Amino acid sequence: MVALVGYSVSFDKTTFRLLRGESNLFYMLARWENGAIDVDIPENLNMESPTVTLIYDEQGKLLWAQRDVPWLAKRIQPEWLKRNGFHEIEADVDSSSMLLRNNHEIQEQLDAIREQGDDSEMTHSVAINLYPATSKMPQLSIVVVDTIPVELKRSYMVWSWFVYVLAANLLLVIPLLWVAAWWSLRPIESLAKEVRELEEHHREKLNPNTTRELTRLVSNLNRLVRSERERYDKYRTTLTDLTHSLKTPLAVMQSTLRSLRGEKISVDEAEPVMLEQISRISQQIGYYLHRASMRSGGTLLSRELHPIAPLLDSLTSALNKVYQRKGVNISLDISPEITFVGEQNDFMEVMGNVLDNACKYCLEFVEVSVRQTTDSHLHILVEDDGPGIPQSQRRAVFDRGQRADTLRPGQGVGLSVAREIVEQYDGEIIAGGKPARRRLHGGGVWPPADGR
C-alpha cells in the first residue's frame, strides 16, 4: 500500500513539472500591448503541442486561449486561479476528442472506446501557475491542460497493469502466507496442547520429538518438570518420614502420661522423660527440615564423633516405655569405646526404626550387639525371638510402603528410611531369617573413631 501511494504521488509530481515547463514557455512568448496580451507561438509548436494553454488576469478573466474549447474554459474553477496547484478534470470521450484533434493515434484509441460503448470519463491533468506583475506585464494565471487523458498514457497503462498484478499477487500471496503461518505455528500449538495436558496430569512429560527450533525449549521444560516433580516427591517423602519418626517419642509421652494418670510414677519422675521426648521431637523436626533443604546426591556427611552406647541406652529406655505393656526386654552388647562418626540424628533414625521394628514383632527378647571388624567397619546386629521374615520378602521390606505383616498397624516407612540413610554412608542393611535378624554393615556408614 505504501508503494502504491508513493508511485501515485511520484506520477503526479512528474506531470506537474512537465506542465509547469509548458507554462513558463508560454509566459516567455507572451507580450502585453495596448491592454491586451498576445502570444507569438511558432507554427510547429502549435501543431505538435500535447497541451492546451489558457491565460487569465488577476480577476479571473480569460485573456487568451491556445484553442477555442468552450467546455474546457467552463471547467476551470475560479478558486484554482488564486494559487499554484495541480488539479484534474473529467471529460467524456467526445470532449476529450476535441482536445486531441491533431493527435491521430490517440483519436484512434478514443474511437475504439466509443465503438465499445464505454461511457467512462477521461481524466485530464491541469497545472495552475501564477506570475506576479512586472513593469511590462500584469499579474497572470497560466493554465496548462494535458490533452492526453491519464488513462491513455503509457505510464498509466503500466500503472494499471501494476495494480492488477499486485491485486492478483495479494490474492495468491495472502492465502499462502496464512498457510505458511499456520504450518509454522503447528509445533507451538501442539506444544501448548501438551502443556495443558501436563497441567491436567494427563501426561508425564512433553514429547521430545519436535521441531529443531523447539527441541532445546522442550528439553529445558522437561528438565524443569522433572526437577519440580523430584522436589515435590522429596518433600512428600520427608514429611512422611518425619511423621513416622515422631511416632516413638509421642508414644513414650503417651505411655508416661498414662502412668502418671494411674499414679504409677510421680510428676518429678515424668518431667525429665517428657522433656527428653520433647527435645527429641524438636531435633527430629530440625533434622528432617535440613534433609529436605539439601539437594539429593549432594549431601555432605558430618564427621562428628559419637559414642554408640549412650545413644542406644537412650533409645532402649524410650522403647521400653513404649512397649511397657508387652514386657519387651532389650539387651545391649556394646563395648564402651566403640563410636560412630557421622550425623547423630542419622544414627538415631536408623537404630530407632530397626529397634522399633524388632520390638513390634518380637515375643519378648531383643538383643543388640555391636562389633568393630578388623577392616575398620562397624557391624550392628539386631536379633529378636519373633517369627522372622520370609525369604521371599526380605528385600521387599526395605521398599517404601511395603510390609511383610499387613495385619499390624504401620505404614511401611521405617525400614525404607533406615536403608536410605545407611546407603548415604555407603553401607548395607540386611534382613535375616529365624530368629529374626537385622544386620547393618558399615563401610563409610559406621566408620571407627579414627574416621577411616
Protein backbone atom coordinates (compact mmCIF):
# COMPACT_ATOMS: atom_id res chain seq x y z
CA MET A 1 0.00 0.00 0.00
CA VAL A 2 2.84 2.42 0.78
CA ALA A 3 4.44 1.59 -2.58
CA LEU A 4 1.16 2.30 -4.40
CA VAL A 5 0.71 5.68 -2.77
CA GLY A 6 4.35 6.58 -3.38
CA TYR A 7 4.08 5.70 -7.06
CA SER A 8 0.90 7.77 -7.44
CA VAL A 9 2.48 10.84 -5.80
CA SER A 10 5.58 10.50 -7.98
CA PHE A 11 3.41 10.26 -11.11
CA ASP A 12 1.54 13.47 -10.23
CA LYS A 13 4.74 15.37 -9.43
CA THR A 14 6.31 14.41 -12.77
CA THR A 15 3.23 15.52 -14.70
CA PHE A 16 3.11 18.83 -12.81
CA ARG A 17 6.76 19.57 -13.60
CA LEU A 18 6.20 18.95 -17.32
CA LEU A 19 3.11 21.14 -17.43
CA ARG A 20 4.87 23.88 -15.49
CA GLY A 21 7.62 23.88 -18.11
CA GLU A 22 4.96 24.50 -20.78
CA SER A 23 3.57 27.34 -18.66
CA ASN A 24 6.97 29.01 -18.38
CA LEU A 25 7.44 28.72 -22.15
CA PHE A 26 4.15 30.48 -22.88
CA TYR A 27 4.93 33.21 -20.34
CA MET A 28 8.19 33.95 -22.17
CA LEU A 29 6.36 34.08 -25.52
CA ALA A 30 3.64 36.42 -24.22
CA ARG A 31 3.64 40.23 -24.86
CA TRP A 32 1.40 42.88 -23.29
CA GLU A 33 0.44 45.65 -25.75
CA ASN A 34 -2.38 48.19 -25.65
CA GLY A 35 -4.13 46.47 -22.73
CA ALA A 36 -4.18 43.10 -24.43
CA ILE A 37 -1.97 40.06 -24.43
CA ASP A 38 -0.53 38.41 -27.48
CA VAL A 39 1.40 35.14 -27.68
CA ASP A 40 3.66 34.53 -30.66
CA ILE A 41 3.64 30.73 -30.97
CA PRO A 42 5.92 29.03 -33.50
CA GLU A 43 3.83 27.08 -36.01
CA ASN A 44 5.48 23.74 -35.36
CA LEU A 45 4.96 24.10 -31.59
CA ASN A 46 1.29 24.87 -32.03
CA MET A 47 0.76 21.76 -34.14
CA GLU A 48 2.76 19.29 -32.04
CA SER A 49 1.98 20.51 -28.52
CA PRO A 50 0.16 17.86 -26.41
CA THR A 51 -1.28 20.62 -24.22
CA VAL A 52 -3.80 23.45 -24.33
CA THR A 53 -2.87 26.72 -22.61
CA LEU A 54 -5.22 29.39 -21.22
CA ILE A 55 -4.14 32.74 -19.72
CA TYR A 56 -6.23 34.60 -17.10
CA ASP A 57 -5.80 38.01 -15.49
CA GLU A 58 -5.82 38.75 -11.76
CA GLN A 59 -9.66 38.96 -11.69
CA GLY A 60 -10.01 35.50 -13.30
CA LYS A 61 -10.95 36.83 -16.75
CA LEU A 62 -9.85 34.74 -19.71
CA LEU A 63 -7.36 36.83 -21.74
CA TRP A 64 -6.13 34.27 -24.23
CA ALA A 65 -6.67 30.63 -25.22
CA GLN A 66 -4.49 28.48 -27.40
CA ARG A 67 -7.61 26.79 -28.81
CA ASP A 68 -11.27 27.55 -28.69
CA VAL A 69 -12.60 24.78 -26.44
CA PRO A 70 -15.72 26.18 -24.70
CA TRP A 71 -16.30 23.26 -22.35
CA LEU A 72 -12.71 23.43 -21.10
CA ALA A 73 -12.90 27.08 -20.00
CA LYS A 74 -16.07 26.31 -18.06
CA ARG A 75 -14.33 23.51 -16.13
CA ILE A 76 -11.60 25.78 -14.76
CA GLN A 77 -12.69 26.70 -11.22
CA PRO A 78 -12.15 30.37 -10.17
CA GLU A 79 -10.58 29.35 -6.85
CA TRP A 80 -7.93 27.35 -8.74
CA LEU A 81 -6.60 30.62 -10.26
CA LYS A 82 -5.66 32.09 -6.87
CA ARG A 83 -2.62 29.88 -6.22
CA ASN A 84 -0.21 27.47 -7.82
CA GLY A 85 -1.58 23.96 -7.92
CA PHE A 86 -2.23 20.68 -9.67
CA HIS A 87 -5.78 19.55 -10.48
CA GLU A 88 -7.72 17.07 -12.58
CA ILE A 89 -10.87 17.47 -14.69
CA GLU A 90 -13.18 14.78 -16.00
CA ALA A 91 -14.50 14.74 -19.57
CA ASP A 92 -16.44 12.32 -21.74
CA VAL A 93 -14.89 10.72 -24.82
CA ASP A 94 -16.30 13.32 -27.24
CA SER A 95 -14.97 16.23 -25.17
CA SER A 96 -11.54 14.63 -24.94
CA SER A 97 -11.62 14.11 -28.71
CA MET A 98 -11.99 17.88 -29.22
CA LEU A 99 -8.71 18.42 -27.38
CA LEU A 100 -6.91 15.78 -29.45
CA ARG A 101 -7.99 16.73 -32.98
CA ASN A 102 -4.38 16.77 -34.22
CA ASN A 103 -3.26 13.55 -32.45
CA HIS A 104 -4.43 10.77 -34.78
CA GLU A 105 -3.00 7.94 -32.69
CA ILE A 106 -4.93 8.96 -29.58
CA GLN A 107 -8.01 9.68 -31.69
CA GLU A 108 -7.99 6.08 -32.89
CA GLN A 109 -7.90 4.86 -29.28
CA LEU A 110 -10.82 7.14 -28.41
CA ASP A 111 -12.75 5.87 -31.43
CA ALA A 112 -12.19 2.30 -30.24
CA ILE A 113 -13.50 3.23 -26.79
CA ARG A 114 -16.51 4.94 -28.39
CA GLU A 115 -17.31 1.87 -30.52
CA GLN A 116 -17.21 -0.36 -27.44
CA GLY A 117 -19.93 1.78 -25.90
CA ASP A 118 -17.75 2.61 -22.92
CA ASP A 119 -19.17 5.78 -21.41
CA SER A 120 -16.47 6.14 -18.75
CA GLU A 121 -14.94 9.58 -18.39
CA MET A 122 -11.38 10.58 -19.26
CA THR A 123 -9.12 12.35 -16.75
CA HIS A 124 -7.02 15.37 -17.84
CA SER A 125 -4.27 16.89 -15.70
CA VAL A 126 -4.35 20.66 -15.08
CA ALA A 127 -1.43 22.79 -13.81
CA ILE A 128 -2.01 26.34 -12.49
CA ASN A 129 0.96 28.73 -12.28
CA LEU A 130 0.76 32.34 -11.01
CA TYR A 131 3.16 35.01 -12.27
CA PRO A 132 3.39 38.31 -10.36
CA ALA A 133 3.00 41.68 -12.08
CA THR A 134 6.07 43.35 -13.60
CA SER A 135 6.73 46.69 -15.32
CA LYS A 136 5.87 45.11 -18.67
CA MET A 137 3.28 42.53 -17.64
CA PRO A 138 0.30 42.43 -15.25
CA GLN A 139 -0.26 39.52 -12.87
CA LEU A 140 -1.21 36.44 -14.86
CA SER A 141 -2.51 32.95 -14.12
CA ILE A 142 -1.47 30.48 -16.80
CA VAL A 143 -3.46 27.25 -17.03
CA VAL A 144 -1.92 24.31 -18.91
CA VAL A 145 -4.17 21.30 -19.63
CA ASP A 146 -2.72 17.96 -20.70
CA THR A 147 -4.75 16.93 -23.75
CA ILE A 148 -3.85 13.25 -23.47
CA PRO A 149 -6.08 11.52 -20.88
CA VAL A 150 -4.30 9.91 -17.98
CA GLU A 151 -5.96 6.60 -18.85
CA LEU A 152 -4.29 6.51 -22.30
CA LYS A 153 -0.72 7.32 -21.25
CA ARG A 154 1.86 4.57 -21.32
CA SER A 155 2.84 5.27 -17.73
CA TYR A 156 -0.79 4.96 -16.68
CA MET A 157 -1.12 1.69 -18.56
CA VAL A 158 1.93 0.41 -16.73
CA TRP A 159 0.40 1.69 -13.51
CA SER A 160 -2.90 -0.08 -14.24
CA TRP A 161 -1.18 -3.35 -15.02
CA PHE A 162 0.89 -2.95 -11.87
CA VAL A 163 -2.29 -2.57 -9.83
CA TYR A 164 -3.83 -5.65 -11.42
CA VAL A 165 -0.68 -7.71 -10.93
CA LEU A 166 -0.38 -6.53 -7.33
CA ALA A 167 -4.01 -7.39 -6.62
CA ALA A 168 -3.54 -10.83 -8.16
CA ASN A 169 -0.40 -11.38 -6.11
CA LEU A 170 -2.19 -10.33 -2.94
CA LEU A 171 -4.98 -12.78 -3.65
CA LEU A 172 -2.41 -15.53 -4.05
CA VAL A 173 0.20 -14.47 -1.50
CA ILE A 174 -2.14 -13.79 1.44
CA PRO A 175 -3.54 -17.36 1.45
CA LEU A 176 -0.01 -18.72 1.03
CA LEU A 177 1.20 -16.58 3.92
CA TRP A 178 -1.72 -17.78 6.03
CA VAL A 179 -0.95 -21.41 5.19
CA ALA A 180 2.76 -20.88 5.90
CA ALA A 181 2.00 -19.19 9.23
CA TRP A 182 -0.45 -21.95 10.17
CA TRP A 183 2.05 -24.64 9.22
CA SER A 184 4.96 -22.99 11.05
CA LEU A 185 2.87 -22.46 14.20
CA ARG A 186 1.64 -26.07 14.36
CA PRO A 187 4.52 -27.21 16.62
CA ILE A 188 3.84 -24.34 19.02
CA GLU A 189 0.13 -25.18 19.07
CA SER A 190 1.00 -28.82 19.72
CA LEU A 191 3.38 -27.76 22.49
CA ALA A 192 0.68 -25.61 24.09
CA LYS A 193 -1.70 -28.60 23.99
CA GLU A 194 0.90 -30.83 25.67
CA VAL A 195 1.50 -28.21 28.37
CA ARG A 196 -2.25 -28.15 29.09
CA GLU A 197 -2.27 -31.95 29.32
CA LEU A 198 0.73 -31.73 31.64
CA GLU A 199 -1.13 -29.27 33.88
CA GLU A 200 -4.15 -31.59 33.95
CA HIS A 201 -1.89 -34.57 34.85
CA HIS A 202 -2.75 -36.40 31.60
CA ARG A 203 0.91 -36.85 30.63
CA GLU A 204 4.24 -37.23 32.42
CA LYS A 205 6.43 -35.10 30.14
CA LEU A 206 6.48 -33.19 26.86
CA ASN A 207 7.17 -35.05 23.64
CA PRO A 208 10.90 -34.58 22.86
CA ASN A 209 10.35 -35.45 19.17
CA THR A 210 9.55 -31.94 17.98
CA THR A 211 10.99 -29.44 15.50
CA ARG A 212 14.64 -28.49 15.68
CA GLU A 213 13.80 -24.96 16.81
CA LEU A 214 11.76 -26.21 19.79
CA THR A 215 13.99 -29.12 20.82
CA ARG A 216 16.01 -27.14 23.36
CA LEU A 217 12.89 -25.46 24.77
CA VAL A 218 11.11 -28.80 25.21
CA SER A 219 14.24 -30.32 26.77
CA ASN A 220 14.52 -27.47 29.27
CA LEU A 221 10.81 -27.67 30.11
CA ASN A 222 11.06 -31.43 30.67
CA ARG A 223 14.09 -30.88 32.90
CA LEU A 224 12.16 -28.26 34.86
CA VAL A 225 9.12 -30.54 35.21
CA ARG A 226 11.32 -33.44 36.31
CA SER A 227 13.14 -31.25 38.83
CA GLU A 228 9.89 -29.91 40.27
CA ARG A 229 8.41 -33.40 40.46
CA GLU A 230 11.52 -34.74 42.21
CA ARG A 231 11.46 -31.85 44.66
CA TYR A 232 7.77 -32.43 45.35
CA ASP A 233 8.38 -36.16 45.87
CA LYS A 234 11.31 -35.39 48.15
CA TYR A 235 9.27 -33.03 50.31
CA ARG A 236 6.40 -35.50 50.45
CA THR A 237 8.77 -38.32 51.39
CA THR A 238 10.44 -36.16 54.01
CA LEU A 239 7.07 -35.25 55.51
CA THR A 240 6.11 -38.93 55.62
CA ASP A 241 9.43 -39.82 57.25
CA LEU A 242 9.04 -37.03 59.78
CA THR A 243 5.57 -38.24 60.69
CA HIS A 244 6.90 -41.76 61.14
CA SER A 245 9.89 -40.63 63.22
CA LEU A 246 7.64 -38.77 65.65
CA LYS A 247 5.68 -41.90 66.49
CA THR A 248 8.18 -43.20 69.06
CA PRO A 249 8.61 -40.00 71.16
CA LEU A 250 4.86 -39.39 71.02
CA ALA A 251 4.23 -42.98 72.13
CA VAL A 252 6.69 -42.51 75.01
CA MET A 253 4.90 -39.32 76.06
CA GLN A 254 1.54 -41.10 75.84
CA SER A 255 2.80 -44.01 77.95
CA THR A 256 4.30 -41.61 80.51
CA LEU A 257 1.05 -39.65 80.78
CA ARG A 258 -0.88 -42.89 81.21
CA SER A 259 1.47 -43.97 84.03
CA LEU A 260 1.18 -40.53 85.61
CA ARG A 261 -2.60 -40.69 85.47
CA GLY A 262 -2.52 -44.16 87.08
CA GLU A 263 -0.20 -42.78 89.77
CA LYS A 264 2.44 -45.36 88.87
CA ILE A 265 5.02 -42.57 88.67
CA SER A 266 5.25 -39.11 90.17
CA VAL A 267 5.39 -35.76 88.38
CA ASP A 268 9.07 -35.47 89.25
CA GLU A 269 9.71 -38.80 87.55
CA ALA A 270 7.58 -37.96 84.48
CA GLU A 271 9.02 -34.48 83.89
CA PRO A 272 12.52 -35.49 82.66
CA VAL A 273 11.00 -38.15 80.41
CA MET A 274 8.60 -35.65 78.87
CA LEU A 275 11.32 -33.02 78.40
CA GLU A 276 13.61 -35.58 76.79
CA GLN A 277 10.93 -36.61 74.29
CA ILE A 278 10.02 -33.00 73.53
CA SER A 279 13.69 -32.34 72.83
CA ARG A 280 13.74 -35.44 70.63
CA ILE A 281 10.74 -34.18 68.67
CA SER A 282 12.40 -30.78 68.20
CA GLN A 283 15.60 -32.47 66.98
CA GLN A 284 13.67 -34.65 64.55
CA ILE A 285 11.83 -31.69 63.06
CA GLY A 286 15.09 -29.78 62.58
CA TYR A 287 16.77 -32.86 61.16
CA TYR A 288 14.10 -33.51 58.54
CA LEU A 289 13.86 -29.86 57.56
CA HIS A 290 17.61 -29.96 57.00
CA ARG A 291 17.30 -33.11 54.89
CA ALA A 292 14.54 -31.57 52.81
CA SER A 293 16.63 -28.48 52.05
CA MET A 294 19.63 -30.48 50.81
CA ARG A 295 19.90 -31.47 47.15
CA SER A 296 19.79 -35.19 46.55
CA GLY A 297 23.21 -36.64 45.86
CA GLY A 298 24.98 -33.57 47.19
CA THR A 299 24.78 -34.27 50.91
CA LEU A 300 27.97 -33.62 52.83
CA LEU A 301 28.12 -36.17 55.68
CA SER A 302 29.10 -34.91 59.10
CA ARG A 303 32.36 -36.19 60.65
CA GLU A 304 31.26 -35.76 64.26
CA LEU A 305 32.29 -38.47 66.75
CA HIS A 306 29.53 -40.07 68.85
CA PRO A 307 29.83 -42.92 71.41
CA ILE A 308 27.29 -45.58 70.49
CA ALA A 309 26.50 -46.97 73.96
CA PRO A 310 24.81 -43.82 75.37
CA LEU A 311 22.80 -43.33 72.18
CA LEU A 312 21.47 -46.89 72.29
CA ASP A 313 20.79 -46.59 76.04
CA SER A 314 18.60 -43.59 75.32
CA LEU A 315 16.74 -45.43 72.56
CA THR A 316 16.16 -48.60 74.58
CA SER A 317 14.90 -46.56 77.52
CA ALA A 318 12.34 -44.85 75.31
CA LEU A 319 11.27 -48.11 73.63
CA ASN A 320 10.90 -49.86 76.99
CA LYS A 321 8.34 -47.21 77.91
CA VAL A 322 6.53 -47.60 74.57
CA TYR A 323 6.34 -51.40 74.84
CA GLN A 324 5.92 -51.48 78.61
CA ARG A 325 2.68 -53.45 78.45
CA LYS A 326 4.22 -56.02 76.11
CA GLY A 327 7.12 -56.51 78.50
CA VAL A 328 9.90 -56.32 75.92
CA ASN A 329 13.40 -56.99 77.25
CA ILE A 330 16.14 -55.22 75.27
CA SER A 331 19.74 -56.21 75.97
CA LEU A 332 22.85 -54.45 74.65
CA ASP A 333 26.25 -55.96 73.94
CA ILE A 334 28.45 -52.94 73.18
CA SER A 335 31.99 -52.05 74.11
CA PRO A 336 32.08 -48.52 75.53
CA GLU A 337 34.95 -47.45 73.23
CA ILE A 338 33.02 -48.06 70.00
CA THR A 339 31.98 -44.81 68.38
CA PHE A 340 30.05 -43.65 65.33
CA VAL A 341 31.39 -40.96 63.00
CA GLY A 342 28.62 -39.04 61.27
CA GLU A 343 25.35 -37.25 61.93
CA GLN A 344 23.89 -38.24 65.31
CA ASN A 345 20.33 -37.91 64.05
CA ASP A 346 21.14 -40.30 61.19
CA PHE A 347 22.27 -42.96 63.67
CA MET A 348 19.27 -42.39 65.93
CA GLU A 349 16.87 -42.55 62.97
CA VAL A 350 18.29 -45.83 61.66
CA MET A 351 18.54 -47.58 65.02
CA GLY A 352 15.21 -46.18 66.19
CA ASN A 353 13.40 -47.65 63.17
CA VAL A 354 15.20 -51.00 63.31
CA LEU A 355 14.72 -51.44 67.09
CA ASP A 356 11.09 -50.34 66.89
CA ASN A 357 10.53 -52.98 64.22
CA ALA A 358 12.22 -55.63 66.38
CA CYS A 359 10.19 -54.70 69.47
CA LYS A 360 6.97 -54.75 67.49
CA TYR A 361 7.44 -58.31 66.17
CA CYS A 362 9.41 -59.98 69.00
CA LEU A 363 7.85 -62.27 71.58
CA GLU A 364 9.86 -60.89 74.49
CA PHE A 365 13.59 -60.53 73.84
CA VAL A 366 15.57 -58.15 71.62
CA GLU A 367 19.37 -58.22 71.58
CA VAL A 368 21.70 -55.63 70.05
CA SER A 369 25.37 -56.39 69.52
CA VAL A 370 27.94 -54.05 68.00
CA ARG A 371 31.34 -55.15 66.74
CA GLN A 372 34.36 -53.39 65.28
CA THR A 373 35.85 -55.55 62.49
CA THR A 374 39.50 -55.81 61.54
CA ASP A 375 38.84 -53.86 58.33
CA SER A 376 37.68 -50.87 60.45
CA HIS A 377 34.00 -51.39 59.62
CA LEU A 378 31.19 -51.21 62.14
CA HIS A 379 28.67 -54.07 62.24
CA ILE A 380 25.47 -53.85 64.24
CA LEU A 381 23.35 -56.97 64.70
CA VAL A 382 19.76 -56.68 65.97
CA GLU A 383 18.10 -60.01 66.87
CA ASP A 384 14.71 -60.84 68.35
CA ASP A 385 12.78 -64.00 69.17
CA GLY A 386 9.98 -63.23 66.72
CA PRO A 387 8.79 -65.36 63.80
CA GLY A 388 11.29 -63.82 61.38
CA ILE A 389 10.82 -62.55 57.81
CA PRO A 390 10.02 -64.99 54.98
CA GLN A 391 12.82 -65.43 52.45
CA SER A 392 10.69 -64.04 49.61
CA GLN A 393 10.03 -60.77 51.46
CA ARG A 394 13.44 -59.95 52.93
CA ARG A 395 14.30 -57.47 50.18
CA ALA A 396 10.80 -56.06 49.80
CA VAL A 397 10.50 -54.96 53.43
CA PHE A 398 13.05 -52.21 52.74
CA ASP A 399 10.94 -50.72 49.93
CA ARG A 400 8.82 -47.73 50.82
CA GLY A 401 5.23 -48.70 51.58
CA GLN A 402 5.94 -52.46 51.63
CA ARG A 403 5.12 -54.50 54.77
CA ALA A 404 5.58 -58.20 55.48
CA ASP A 405 2.71 -58.21 58.01
CA THR A 406 -0.31 -56.19 56.90
CA LEU A 407 -2.39 -57.15 59.94
CA ARG A 408 -0.46 -54.94 62.34
CA PRO A 409 -0.56 -51.14 62.24
CA GLY A 410 2.16 -49.37 60.28
CA GLN A 411 2.98 -47.52 57.08
CA GLY A 412 5.91 -49.48 55.69
CA VAL A 413 8.20 -46.45 56.00
CA GLY A 414 10.63 -47.10 58.86
CA LEU A 415 12.91 -49.72 57.26
CA SER A 416 12.97 -47.86 53.92
CA VAL A 417 14.14 -44.71 55.72
CA ALA A 418 16.80 -46.75 57.51
CA ARG A 419 18.06 -48.18 54.21
CA GLU A 420 18.18 -44.74 52.53
CA ILE A 421 20.28 -43.30 55.36
CA VAL A 422 22.59 -46.33 55.53
CA GLU A 423 23.20 -46.16 51.76
CA GLN A 424 24.15 -42.50 52.08
CA TYR A 425 27.08 -43.76 54.17
CA ASP A 426 27.92 -46.45 51.57
CA GLY A 427 26.64 -49.09 53.96
CA GLU A 428 24.23 -52.01 53.75
CA ILE A 429 21.27 -53.24 55.79
CA ILE A 430 20.21 -56.89 55.56
CA ALA A 431 17.22 -58.80 56.94
CA GLY A 432 17.87 -62.38 58.15
CA GLY A 433 15.72 -65.41 58.93
CA LYS A 434 14.55 -67.01 62.17
CA PRO A 435 15.44 -65.98 64.77
CA ALA A 436 14.73 -62.59 63.28
CA ARG A 437 17.89 -60.69 62.46
CA ARG A 438 18.59 -57.28 61.05
CA ARG A 439 22.25 -56.78 60.28
CA LEU A 440 23.82 -53.42 59.48
CA HIS A 441 27.17 -53.49 57.73
CA GLY A 442 29.16 -50.27 57.55
CA GLY A 443 31.80 -49.18 55.11
CA GLY A 444 31.62 -45.45 55.24
CA VAL A 445 28.45 -45.91 57.22
CA TRP A 446 29.69 -46.91 60.61
CA PRO A 447 33.38 -45.99 60.48
CA PRO A 448 35.67 -46.36 63.51
CA ALA A 449 36.72 -43.48 65.66
CA ASP A 450 39.78 -42.75 63.55
CA GLY A 451 37.46 -41.81 60.70
CA ARG A 452 38.64 -44.40 58.21
